[in-house]
Amino acid sequence: MIDRFGLLPEPTKHLFRLTALKLNAESLGILKIDAHDKGGKFEFDSEPKIDPMRLIQLIQRQPHIFKLDGPTGLRFTLKMPTVEERFQQLESLVSNLQAA
């Protein structure tokens, strides 16, 4: 793309990064990701491809950050004031859930 169009603008870089994040999340059974400057939520399908013990350990180790939200949700409270911090936190969380 760079050869054809030159350096990509920030919104285009974000689009590619967001698409990669969505594809990784989808492979785990995450249907929806909501994120804002103070936290967010993952919405799982009825049978996510995540080790339940890994999710429980995550919540037990950091109960002030992670909480279950109904039968299919995981809510998290993190300060993420910039887009870059949101991407970093979400990519890290998806990667940690994927490592199981």
PDB file of N, CA and C in Angstrom:
ATOM      1  N   MET A   1       0.820  -1.191   0.000  1.00  0.00           N
ATOM      2  CA  MET A   1       0.000   0.000   0.000  1.00  0.00           C
ATOM      3  C   MET A   1       0.862   1.252   0.000  1.00  0.00           C
ATOM      4  N   ILE A   2       1.950   1.216   0.756  1.00  0.00           N
ATOM      5  CA  ILE A   2       2.800   2.399   0.836  1.00  0.00           C
ATOM      6  C   ILE A   2       3.420   2.696  -0.528  1.00  0.00           C
ATOM      7  N   ASP A   3       3.806   1.639  -1.270  1.00  0.00           N
ATOM      8  CA  ASP A   3       4.382   1.846  -2.605  1.00  0.00           C
ATOM      9  C   ASP A   3       3.395   2.550  -3.518  1.00  0.00           C
ATOM     10  N   ARG A   4       2.146   2.212  -3.369  1.00  0.00           N
ATOM     11  CA  ARG A   4       1.120   2.749  -4.267  1.00  0.00           C
ATOM     12  C   ARG A   4       0.617   4.127  -3.833  1.00  0.00           C
ATOM     13  N   PHE A   5       0.376   4.283  -2.505  1.00  0.00           N
ATOM     14  CA  PHE A   5      -0.297   5.490  -2.024  1.00  0.00           C
ATOM     15  C   PHE A   5       0.559   6.362  -1.100  1.00  0.00           C
ATOM     16  N   GLY A   6       1.739   5.913  -0.738  1.00  0.00           N
ATOM     17  CA  GLY A   6       2.570   6.667   0.193  1.00  0.00           C
ATOM     18  C   GLY A   6       2.253   6.263   1.626  1.00  0.00           C
ATOM     19  N   LEU A   7       2.755   7.035   2.571  1.00  0.00           N
ATOM     20  CA  LEU A   7       2.523   6.722   3.978  1.00  0.00           C
ATOM     21  C   LEU A   7       1.036   6.788   4.298  1.00  0.00           C
ATOM     22  N   LEU A   8       0.605   5.835   5.099  1.00  0.00           N
ATOM     23  CA  LEU A   8      -0.819   5.756   5.449  1.00  0.00           C
ATOM     24  C   LEU A   8      -1.174   6.792   6.503  1.00  0.00           C
ATOM     25  N   PRO A   9      -2.334   7.413   6.393  1.00  0.00           N
ATOM     26  CA  PRO A   9      -2.783   8.332   7.446  1.00  0.00           C
ATOM     27  C   PRO A   9      -3.179   7.535   8.698  1.00  0.00           C
ATOM     28  N   GLU A  10      -3.175   8.198   9.830  1.00  0.00           N
ATOM     29  CA  GLU A  10      -3.487   7.538  11.111  1.00  0.00           C
ATOM     30  C   GLU A  10      -4.821   6.780  11.091  1.00  0.00           C
ATOM     31  N   PRO A  11      -5.907   7.370  10.582  1.00  0.00           N
ATOM     32  CA  PRO A  11      -7.174   6.615  10.571  1.00  0.00           C
ATOM     33  C   PRO A  11      -7.079   5.288   9.811  1.00  0.00           C
ATOM     34  N   THR A  12      -6.304   5.256   8.745  1.00  0.00           N
ATOM     35  CA  THR A  12      -6.150   4.021   7.983  1.00  0.00           C
ATOM     36  C   THR A  12      -5.335   2.999   8.774  1.00  0.00           C
ATOM     37  N   LYS A  13      -4.297   3.447   9.444  1.00  0.00           N
ATOM     38  CA  LYS A  13      -3.514   2.552  10.303  1.00  0.00           C
ATOM     39  C   LYS A  13      -4.401   1.971  11.400  1.00  0.00           C
ATOM     40  N   HIS A  14      -5.243   2.822  11.977  1.00  0.00           N
ATOM     41  CA  HIS A  14      -6.156   2.352  13.029  1.00  0.00           C
ATOM     42  C   HIS A  14      -7.139   1.322  12.479  1.00  0.00           C
ATOM     43  N   LEU A  15      -7.607   1.530  11.251  1.00  0.00           N
ATOM     44  CA  LEU A  15      -8.535   0.589  10.636  1.00  0.00           C
ATOM     45  C   LEU A  15      -7.895  -0.790  10.484  1.00  0.00           C
ATOM     46  N   PHE A  16      -6.660  -0.845  10.011  1.00  0.00           N
ATOM     47  CA  PHE A  16      -5.967  -2.126   9.865  1.00  0.00           C
ATOM     48  C   PHE A  16      -5.739  -2.782  11.224  1.00  0.00           C
ATOM     49  N   ARG A  17      -5.348  -1.990  12.193  1.00  0.00           N
ATOM     50  CA  ARG A  17      -5.086  -2.524  13.538  1.00  0.00           C
ATOM     51  C   ARG A  17      -6.373  -3.028  14.180  1.00  0.00           C
ATOM     52  N   LEU A  18      -7.448  -2.282  13.998  1.00  0.00           N
ATOM     53  CA  LEU A  18      -8.743  -2.679  14.543  1.00  0.00           C
ATOM     54  C   LEU A  18      -9.238  -3.972  13.896  1.00  0.00           C
ATOM     55  N   THR A  19      -9.041  -4.104  12.601  1.00  0.00           N
ATOM     56  CA  THR A  19      -9.457  -5.317  11.899  1.00  0.00           C
ATOM     57  C   THR A  19      -8.681  -6.529  12.411  1.00  0.00           C
ATOM     58  N   ALA A  20      -7.380  -6.385  12.619  1.00  0.00           N
ATOM     59  CA  ALA A  20      -6.573  -7.481  13.164  1.00  0.00           C
ATOM     60  C   ALA A  20      -7.054  -7.860  14.565  1.00  0.00           C
ATOM     61  N   LEU A  21      -7.361  -6.857  15.382  1.00  0.00           N
ATOM     62  CA  LEU A  21      -7.868  -7.111  16.739  1.00  0.00           C
ATOM     63  C   LEU A  21      -9.196  -7.858  16.683  1.00  0.00           C
ATOM     64  N   LYS A  22     -10.094  -7.429  15.812  1.00  0.00           N
ATOM     65  CA  LYS A  22     -11.400  -8.079  15.684  1.00  0.00           C
ATOM     66  C   LYS A  22     -11.263  -9.532  15.230  1.00  0.00           C
ATOM     67  N   LEU A  23     -10.361  -9.787  14.297  1.00  0.00           N
ATOM     68  CA  LEU A  23     -10.159 -11.155  13.822  1.00  0.00           C
ATOM     69  C   LEU A  23      -9.620 -12.060  14.936  1.00  0.00           C
ATOM     70  N   ASN A  24      -8.672 -11.555  15.724  1.00  0.00           N
ATOM     71  CA  ASN A  24      -8.155 -12.327  16.854  1.00  0.00           C
ATOM     72  C   ASN A  24      -9.243 -12.573  17.890  1.00  0.00           C
ATOM     73  N   ALA A  25     -10.028 -11.545  18.174  1.00  0.00           N
ATOM     74  CA  ALA A  25     -11.105 -11.674  19.156  1.00  0.00           C
ATOM     75  C   ALA A  25     -12.175 -12.651  18.672  1.00  0.00           C
ATOM     76  N   GLU A  26     -12.497 -12.565  17.403  1.00  0.00           N
ATOM     77  CA  GLU A  26     -13.520 -13.447  16.841  1.00  0.00           C
ATOM     78  C   GLU A  26     -13.101 -14.913  16.941  1.00  0.00           C
ATOM     79  N   SER A  27     -11.816 -15.193  16.789  1.00  0.00           N
ATOM     80  CA  SER A  27     -11.339 -16.573  16.892  1.00  0.00           C
ATOM     81  C   SER A  27     -11.496 -17.130  18.304  1.00  0.00           C
ATOM     82  N   LEU A  28     -11.637 -16.251  19.291  1.00  0.00           N
ATOM     83  CA  LEU A  28     -11.846 -16.666  20.678  1.00  0.00           C
ATOM     84  C   LEU A  28     -13.317 -16.734  21.054  1.00  0.00           C
ATOM     85  N   GLY A  29     -14.185 -16.320  20.165  1.00  0.00           N
ATOM     86  CA  GLY A  29     -15.605 -16.298  20.481  1.00  0.00           C
ATOM     87  C   GLY A  29     -16.056 -14.997  21.102  1.00  0.00           C
ATOM     88  N   ILE A  30     -15.294 -13.930  20.910  1.00  0.00           N
ATOM     89  CA  ILE A  30     -15.690 -12.607  21.397  1.00  0.00           C
ATOM     90  C   ILE A  30     -16.511 -11.957  20.297  1.00  0.00           C
ATOM     91  N   LEU A  31     -17.762 -11.675  20.602  1.00  0.00           N
ATOM     92  CA  LEU A  31     -18.677 -11.102  19.618  1.00  0.00           C
ATOM     93  C   LEU A  31     -18.544  -9.592  19.495  1.00  0.00           C
ATOM     94  N   LYS A  32     -18.279  -8.945  20.639  1.00  0.00           N
ATOM     95  CA  LYS A  32     -18.305  -7.486  20.644  1.00  0.00           C
ATOM     96  C   LYS A  32     -17.268  -6.960  21.632  1.00  0.00           C
ATOM     97  N   ILE A  33     -16.618  -5.888  21.256  1.00  0.00           N
ATOM     98  CA  ILE A  33     -15.680  -5.194  22.136  1.00  0.00           C
ATOM     99  C   ILE A  33     -16.123  -3.746  22.239  1.00  0.00           C
ATOM    100  N   ASP A  34     -16.370  -3.302  23.447  1.00  0.00           N
ATOM    101  CA  ASP A  34     -16.651  -1.891  23.713  1.00  0.00           C
ATOM    102  C   ASP A  34     -15.496  -1.370  24.552  1.00  0.00           C
ATOM    103  N   ALA A  35     -14.912  -0.252  24.146  1.00  0.00           N
ATOM    104  CA  ALA A  35     -13.816   0.323  24.915  1.00  0.00           C
ATOM    105  C   ALA A  35     -13.923   1.840  24.902  1.00  0.00           C
ATOM    106  N   HIS A  36     -13.578   2.420  26.024  1.00  0.00           N
ATOM    107  CA  HIS A  36     -13.570   3.874  26.156  1.00  0.00           C
ATOM    108  C   HIS A  36     -12.406   4.255  27.056  1.00  0.00           C
ATOM    109  N   ASP A  37     -12.304   5.513  27.415  1.00  0.00           N
ATOM    110  CA  ASP A  37     -11.139   5.982  28.163  1.00  0.00           C
ATOM    111  C   ASP A  37     -11.024   5.440  29.579  1.00  0.00           C
ATOM    112  N   LYS A  38     -12.100   4.862  30.133  1.00  0.00           N
ATOM    113  CA  LYS A  38     -12.055   4.358  31.507  1.00  0.00           C
ATOM    114  C   LYS A  38     -12.253   2.848  31.606  1.00  0.00           C
ATOM    115  N   GLY A  39     -12.337   2.158  30.486  1.00  0.00           N
ATOM    116  CA  GLY A  39     -12.506   0.711  30.537  1.00  0.00           C
ATOM    117  C   GLY A  39     -13.277   0.204  29.349  1.00  0.00           C
ATOM    118  N   GLY A  40     -13.996  -0.892  29.574  1.00  0.00           N
ATOM    119  CA  GLY A  40     -14.769  -1.446  28.480  1.00  0.00           C
ATOM    120  C   GLY A  40     -15.373  -2.783  28.830  1.00  0.00           C
ATOM    121  N   LYS A  41     -15.768  -3.504  27.777  1.00  0.00           N
ATOM    122  CA  LYS A  41     -16.463  -4.772  27.976  1.00  0.00           C
ATOM    123  C   LYS A  41     -16.245  -5.668  26.766  1.00  0.00           C
ATOM    124  N   PHE A  42     -16.082  -6.968  27.040  1.00  0.00           N
ATOM    125  CA  PHE A  42     -16.082  -7.997  26.003  1.00  0.00           C
ATOM    126  C   PHE A  42     -17.390  -8.750  26.123  1.00  0.00           C
ATOM    127  N   GLU A  43     -18.010  -9.020  25.015  1.00  0.00           N
ATOM    128  CA  GLU A  43     -19.237  -9.835  24.979  1.00  0.00           C
ATOM    129  C   GLU A  43     -18.889 -11.122  24.242  1.00  0.00           C
ATOM    130  N   PHE A  44     -19.018 -12.261  24.948  1.00  0.00           N
ATOM    131  CA  PHE A  44     -18.679 -13.569  24.389  1.00  0.00           C
ATOM    132  C   PHE A  44     -19.900 -14.234  23.783  1.00  0.00           C
ATOM    133  N   ASP A  45     -19.663 -15.143  22.828  1.00  0.00           N
ATOM    134  CA  ASP A  45     -20.775 -15.948  22.318  1.00  0.00           C
ATOM    135  C   ASP A  45     -21.104 -17.019  23.359  1.00  0.00           C
ATOM    136  N   SER A  46     -22.078 -17.864  23.075  1.00  0.00           N
ATOM    137  CA  SER A  46     -22.547 -18.829  24.078  1.00  0.00           C
ATOM    138  C   SER A  46     -21.501 -19.890  24.419  1.00  0.00           C
ATOM    139  N   GLU A  47     -20.572 -20.169  23.507  1.00  0.00           N
ATOM    140  CA  GLU A  47     -19.512 -21.142  23.771  1.00  0.00           C
ATOM    141  C   GLU A  47     -18.165 -20.584  23.310  1.00  0.00           C
ATOM    142  N   PRO A  48     -17.574 -19.673  24.105  1.00  0.00           N
ATOM    143  CA  PRO A  48     -16.292 -19.079  23.698  1.00  0.00           C
ATOM    144  C   PRO A  48     -15.165 -20.115  23.731  1.00  0.00           C
ATOM    145  N   LYS A  49     -14.140 -19.859  22.967  1.00  0.00           N
ATOM    146  CA  LYS A  49     -12.999 -20.761  22.880  1.00  0.00           C
ATOM    147  C   LYS A  49     -11.890 -20.302  23.821  1.00  0.00           C
ATOM    148  N   ILE A  50     -12.263 -20.070  25.062  1.00  0.00           N
ATOM    149  CA  ILE A  50     -11.340 -19.604  26.092  1.00  0.00           C
ATOM    150  C   ILE A  50     -11.422 -20.575  27.259  1.00  0.00           C
ATOM    151  N   ASP A  51     -10.275 -20.892  27.821  1.00  0.00           N
ATOM    152  CA  ASP A  51     -10.232 -21.756  28.990  1.00  0.00           C
ATOM    153  C   ASP A  51     -10.907 -21.025  30.160  1.00  0.00           C
ATOM    154  N   PRO A  52     -11.994 -21.582  30.702  1.00  0.00           N
ATOM    155  CA  PRO A  52     -12.699 -20.900  31.800  1.00  0.00           C
ATOM    156  C   PRO A  52     -11.803 -20.637  33.010  1.00  0.00           C
ATOM    157  N   MET A  53     -10.881 -21.553  33.290  1.00  0.00           N
ATOM    158  CA  MET A  53      -9.990 -21.345  34.436  1.00  0.00           C
ATOM    159  C   MET A  53      -9.075 -20.140  34.214  1.00  0.00           C
ATOM    160  N   ARG A  54      -8.662 -19.926  33.003  1.00  0.00           N
ATOM    161  CA  ARG A  54      -7.810 -18.762  32.701  1.00  0.00           C
ATOM    162  C   ARG A  54      -8.578 -17.464  32.958  1.00  0.00           C
ATOM    163  N   LEU A  55      -9.832 -17.447  32.573  1.00  0.00           N
ATOM    164  CA  LEU A  55     -10.671 -16.273  32.799  1.00  0.00           C
ATOM    165  C   LEU A  55     -10.906 -16.059  34.296  1.00  0.00           C
ATOM    166  N   ILE A  56     -11.172 -17.125  35.013  1.00  0.00           N
ATOM    167  CA  ILE A  56     -11.383 -17.028  36.468  1.00  0.00           C
ATOM    168  C   ILE A  56     -10.123 -16.543  37.161  1.00  0.00           C
ATOM    169  N   GLN A  57      -8.960 -17.068  36.757  1.00  0.00           N
ATOM    170  CA  GLN A  57      -7.696 -16.625  37.356  1.00  0.00           C
ATOM    171  C   GLN A  57      -7.434 -15.146  37.086  1.00  0.00           C
ATOM    172  N   LEU A  58      -7.760 -14.704  35.889  1.00  0.00           N
ATOM    173  CA  LEU A  58      -7.601 -13.287  35.539  1.00  0.00           C
ATOM    174  C   LEU A  58      -8.432 -12.415  36.478  1.00  0.00           C
ATOM    175  N   ILE A  59      -9.668 -12.820  36.707  1.00  0.00           N
ATOM    176  CA  ILE A  59     -10.571 -12.060  37.585  1.00  0.00           C
ATOM    177  C   ILE A  59     -10.098 -12.132  39.034  1.00  0.00           C
ATOM    178  N   GLN A  60      -9.637 -13.301  39.477  1.00  0.00           N
ATOM    179  CA  GLN A  60      -9.179 -13.449  40.863  1.00  0.00           C
ATOM    180  C   GLN A  60      -7.899 -12.663  41.137  1.00  0.00           C
ATOM    181  N   ARG A  61      -6.993 -12.619  40.157  1.00  0.00           N
ATOM    182  CA  ARG A  61      -5.731 -11.903  40.350  1.00  0.00           C
ATOM    183  C   ARG A  61      -5.916 -10.389  40.344  1.00  0.00           C
ATOM    184  N   GLN A  62      -6.900  -9.909  39.564  1.00  0.00           N
ATOM    185  CA  GLN A  62      -7.107  -8.463  39.445  1.00  0.00           C
ATOM    186  C   GLN A  62      -8.598  -8.130  39.560  1.00  0.00           C
ATOM    187  N   PRO A  63      -9.189  -8.377  40.733  1.00  0.00           N
ATOM    188  CA  PRO A  63     -10.636  -8.148  40.872  1.00  0.00           C
ATOM    189  C   PRO A  63     -11.036  -6.680  40.791  1.00  0.00           C
ATOM    190  N   HIS A  64     -10.104  -5.779  41.033  1.00  0.00           N
ATOM    191  CA  HIS A  64     -10.414  -4.348  40.920  1.00  0.00           C
ATOM    192  C   HIS A  64     -10.461  -3.894  39.456  1.00  0.00           C
ATOM    193  N   ILE A  65      -9.960  -4.728  38.545  1.00  0.00           N
ATOM    194  CA  ILE A  65      -9.963  -4.388  37.118  1.00  0.00           C
ATOM    195  C   ILE A  65     -11.010  -5.185  36.353  1.00  0.00           C
ATOM    196  N   PHE A  66     -11.078  -6.507  36.601  1.00  0.00           N
ATOM    197  CA  PHE A  66     -11.946  -7.389  35.819  1.00  0.00           C
ATOM    198  C   PHE A  66     -13.118  -7.901  36.635  1.00  0.00           C
ATOM    199  N   LYS A  67     -14.299  -7.904  36.011  1.00  0.00           N
ATOM    200  CA  LYS A  67     -15.519  -8.414  36.642  1.00  0.00           C
ATOM    201  C   LYS A  67     -16.374  -9.077  35.574  1.00  0.00           C
ATOM    202  N   LEU A  68     -17.054 -10.150  35.961  1.00  0.00           N
ATOM    203  CA  LEU A  68     -18.007 -10.754  35.040  1.00  0.00           C
ATOM    204  C   LEU A  68     -19.209  -9.835  34.925  1.00  0.00           C
ATOM    205  N   ASP A  69     -19.772  -9.771  33.742  1.00  0.00           N
ATOM    206  CA  ASP A  69     -20.932  -8.923  33.488  1.00  0.00           C
ATOM    207  C   ASP A  69     -22.006  -9.800  32.850  1.00  0.00           C
ATOM    208  N   GLY A  70     -22.805 -10.409  33.688  1.00  0.00           N
ATOM    209  CA  GLY A  70     -23.813 -11.335  33.187  1.00  0.00           C
ATOM    210  C   GLY A  70     -23.164 -12.643  32.763  1.00  0.00           C
ATOM    211  N   PRO A  71     -23.906 -13.502  32.104  1.00  0.00           N
ATOM    212  CA  PRO A  71     -23.368 -14.819  31.743  1.00  0.00           C
ATOM    213  C   PRO A  71     -22.378 -14.794  30.581  1.00  0.00           C
ATOM    214  N   THR A  72     -22.364 -13.721  29.797  1.00  0.00           N
ATOM    215  CA  THR A  72     -21.499 -13.704  28.616  1.00  0.00           C
ATOM    216  C   THR A  72     -20.629 -12.455  28.505  1.00  0.00           C
ATOM    217  N   GLY A  73     -20.454 -11.736  29.587  1.00  0.00           N
ATOM    218  CA  GLY A  73     -19.695 -10.489  29.505  1.00  0.00           C
ATOM    219  C   GLY A  73     -18.528 -10.440  30.466  1.00  0.00           C
ATOM    220  N   LEU A  74     -17.495  -9.733  30.089  1.00  0.00           N
ATOM    221  CA  LEU A  74     -16.356  -9.449  30.941  1.00  0.00           C
ATOM    222  C   LEU A  74     -16.136  -7.946  30.896  1.00  0.00           C
ATOM    223  N   ARG A  75     -16.294  -7.304  32.041  1.00  0.00           N
ATOM    224  CA  ARG A  75     -16.120  -5.858  32.137  1.00  0.00           C
ATOM    225  C   ARG A  75     -14.745  -5.579  32.736  1.00  0.00           C
ATOM    226  N   PHE A  76     -14.085  -4.554  32.236  1.00  0.00           N
ATOM    227  CA  PHE A  76     -12.783  -4.181  32.767  1.00  0.00           C
ATOM    228  C   PHE A  76     -12.714  -2.672  32.957  1.00  0.00           C
ATOM    229  N   THR A  77     -11.989  -2.274  34.000  1.00  0.00           N
ATOM    230  CA  THR A  77     -11.815  -0.871  34.341  1.00  0.00           C
ATOM    231  C   THR A  77     -10.330  -0.546  34.244  1.00  0.00           C
ATOM    232  N   LEU A  78      -9.966   0.173  33.205  1.00  0.00           N
ATOM    233  CA  LEU A  78      -8.577   0.567  32.966  1.00  0.00           C
ATOM    234  C   LEU A  78      -8.558   1.997  32.439  1.00  0.00           C
ATOM    235  N   LYS A  79      -7.560   2.759  32.847  1.00  0.00           N
ATOM    236  CA  LYS A  79      -7.420   4.106  32.291  1.00  0.00           C
ATOM    237  C   LYS A  79      -6.736   3.988  30.930  1.00  0.00           C
ATOM    238  N   MET A  80      -7.449   4.393  29.901  1.00  0.00           N
ATOM    239  CA  MET A  80      -6.930   4.333  28.531  1.00  0.00           C
ATOM    240  C   MET A  80      -7.317   5.622  27.810  1.00  0.00           C
ATOM    241  N   PRO A  81      -6.697   6.741  28.168  1.00  0.00           N
ATOM    242  CA  PRO A  81      -7.132   8.026  27.611  1.00  0.00           C
ATOM    243  C   PRO A  81      -6.843   8.215  26.121  1.00  0.00           C
ATOM    244  N   THR A  82      -5.860   7.510  25.581  1.00  0.00           N
ATOM    245  CA  THR A  82      -5.536   7.696  24.165  1.00  0.00           C
ATOM    246  C   THR A  82      -5.904   6.455  23.357  1.00  0.00           C
ATOM    247  N   VAL A  83      -6.031   6.634  22.071  1.00  0.00           N
ATOM    248  CA  VAL A  83      -6.345   5.528  21.166  1.00  0.00           C
ATOM    249  C   VAL A  83      -5.233   4.475  21.224  1.00  0.00           C
ATOM    250  N   GLU A  84      -3.993   4.923  21.262  1.00  0.00           N
ATOM    251  CA  GLU A  84      -2.855   3.994  21.309  1.00  0.00           C
ATOM    252  C   GLU A  84      -2.903   3.129  22.565  1.00  0.00           C
ATOM    253  N   GLU A  85      -3.229   3.730  23.712  1.00  0.00           N
ATOM    254  CA  GLU A  85      -3.333   2.962  24.960  1.00  0.00           C
ATOM    255  C   GLU A  85      -4.480   1.960  24.891  1.00  0.00           C
ATOM    256  N   ARG A  86      -5.590   2.335  24.272  1.00  0.00           N
ATOM    257  CA  ARG A  86      -6.712   1.406  24.112  1.00  0.00           C
ATOM    258  C   ARG A  86      -6.295   0.203  23.275  1.00  0.00           C
ATOM    259  N   PHE A  87      -5.650   0.485  22.157  1.00  0.00           N
ATOM    260  CA  PHE A  87      -5.187  -0.619  21.317  1.00  0.00           C
ATOM    261  C   PHE A  87      -4.239  -1.529  22.086  1.00  0.00           C
ATOM    262  N   GLN A  88      -3.275  -0.957  22.786  1.00  0.00           N
ATOM    263  CA  GLN A  88      -2.305  -1.756  23.530  1.00  0.00           C
ATOM    264  C   GLN A  88      -2.983  -2.639  24.572  1.00  0.00           C
ATOM    265  N   GLN A  89      -3.895  -2.051  25.352  1.00  0.00           N
ATOM    266  CA  GLN A  89      -4.573  -2.814  26.401  1.00  0.00           C
ATOM    267  C   GLN A  89      -5.452  -3.921  25.813  1.00  0.00           C
ATOM    268  N   LEU A  90      -6.208  -3.596  24.770  1.00  0.00           N
ATOM    269  CA  LEU A  90      -7.097  -4.592  24.173  1.00  0.00           C
ATOM    270  C   LEU A  90      -6.308  -5.709  23.498  1.00  0.00           C
ATOM    271  N   GLU A  91      -5.248  -5.360  22.789  1.00  0.00           N
ATOM    272  CA  GLU A  91      -4.418  -6.383  22.152  1.00  0.00           C
ATOM    273  C   GLU A  91      -3.766  -7.280  23.201  1.00  0.00           C
ATOM    274  N   SER A  92      -3.317  -6.689  24.288  1.00  0.00           N
ATOM    275  CA  SER A  92      -2.707  -7.468  25.362  1.00  0.00           C
ATOM    276  C   SER A  92      -3.722  -8.406  26.008  1.00  0.00           C
ATOM    277  N   LEU A  93      -4.907  -7.914  26.267  1.00  0.00           N
ATOM    278  CA  LEU A  93      -5.947  -8.743  26.894  1.00  0.00           C
ATOM    279  C   LEU A  93      -6.363  -9.890  25.984  1.00  0.00           C
ATOM    280  N   VAL A  94      -6.592  -9.619  24.713  1.00  0.00           N
ATOM    281  CA  VAL A  94      -6.958 -10.675  23.769  1.00  0.00           C
ATOM    282  C   VAL A  94      -5.824 -11.695  23.662  1.00  0.00           C
ATOM    283  N   SER A  95      -4.595 -11.209  23.631  1.00  0.00           N
ATOM    284  CA  SER A  95      -3.445 -12.099  23.554  1.00  0.00           C
ATOM    285  C   SER A  95      -3.340 -12.989  24.784  1.00  0.00           C
ATOM    286  N   ASN A  96      -3.590 -12.419  25.975  1.00  0.00           N
ATOM    287  CA  ASN A  96      -3.563 -13.208  27.207  1.00  0.00           C
ATOM    288  C   ASN A  96      -4.649 -14.272  27.220  1.00  0.00           C
ATOM    289  N   LEU A  97      -5.821 -13.927  26.740  1.00  0.00           N
ATOM    290  CA  LEU A  97      -6.907 -14.913  26.678  1.00  0.00           C
ATOM    291  C   LEU A  97      -6.620 -15.989  25.621  1.00  0.00           C
ATOM    292  N   GLN A  98      -5.928 -15.611  24.568  1.00  0.00           N
ATOM    293  CA  GLN A  98      -5.604 -16.526  23.484  1.00  0.00           C
ATOM    294  C   GLN A  98      -4.512 -17.515  23.887  1.00  0.00           C
ATOM    295  N   ALA A  99      -3.652 -17.122  24.796  1.00  0.00           N
ATOM    296  CA  ALA A  99      -2.501 -17.944  25.181  1.00  0.00           C
ATOM    297  C   ALA A  99      -2.891 -19.256  25.857  1.00  0.00           C
ATOM    298  N   ALA A 100      -4.121 -19.356  26.258  1.00  0.00           N
ATOM    299  CA  ALA A 100      -4.542 -20.566  26.971  1.00  0.00           C
ATOM    300  C   ALA A 100      -4.554 -21.774  26.063  1.00  0.00           C
TER     301      ALA A 100
END
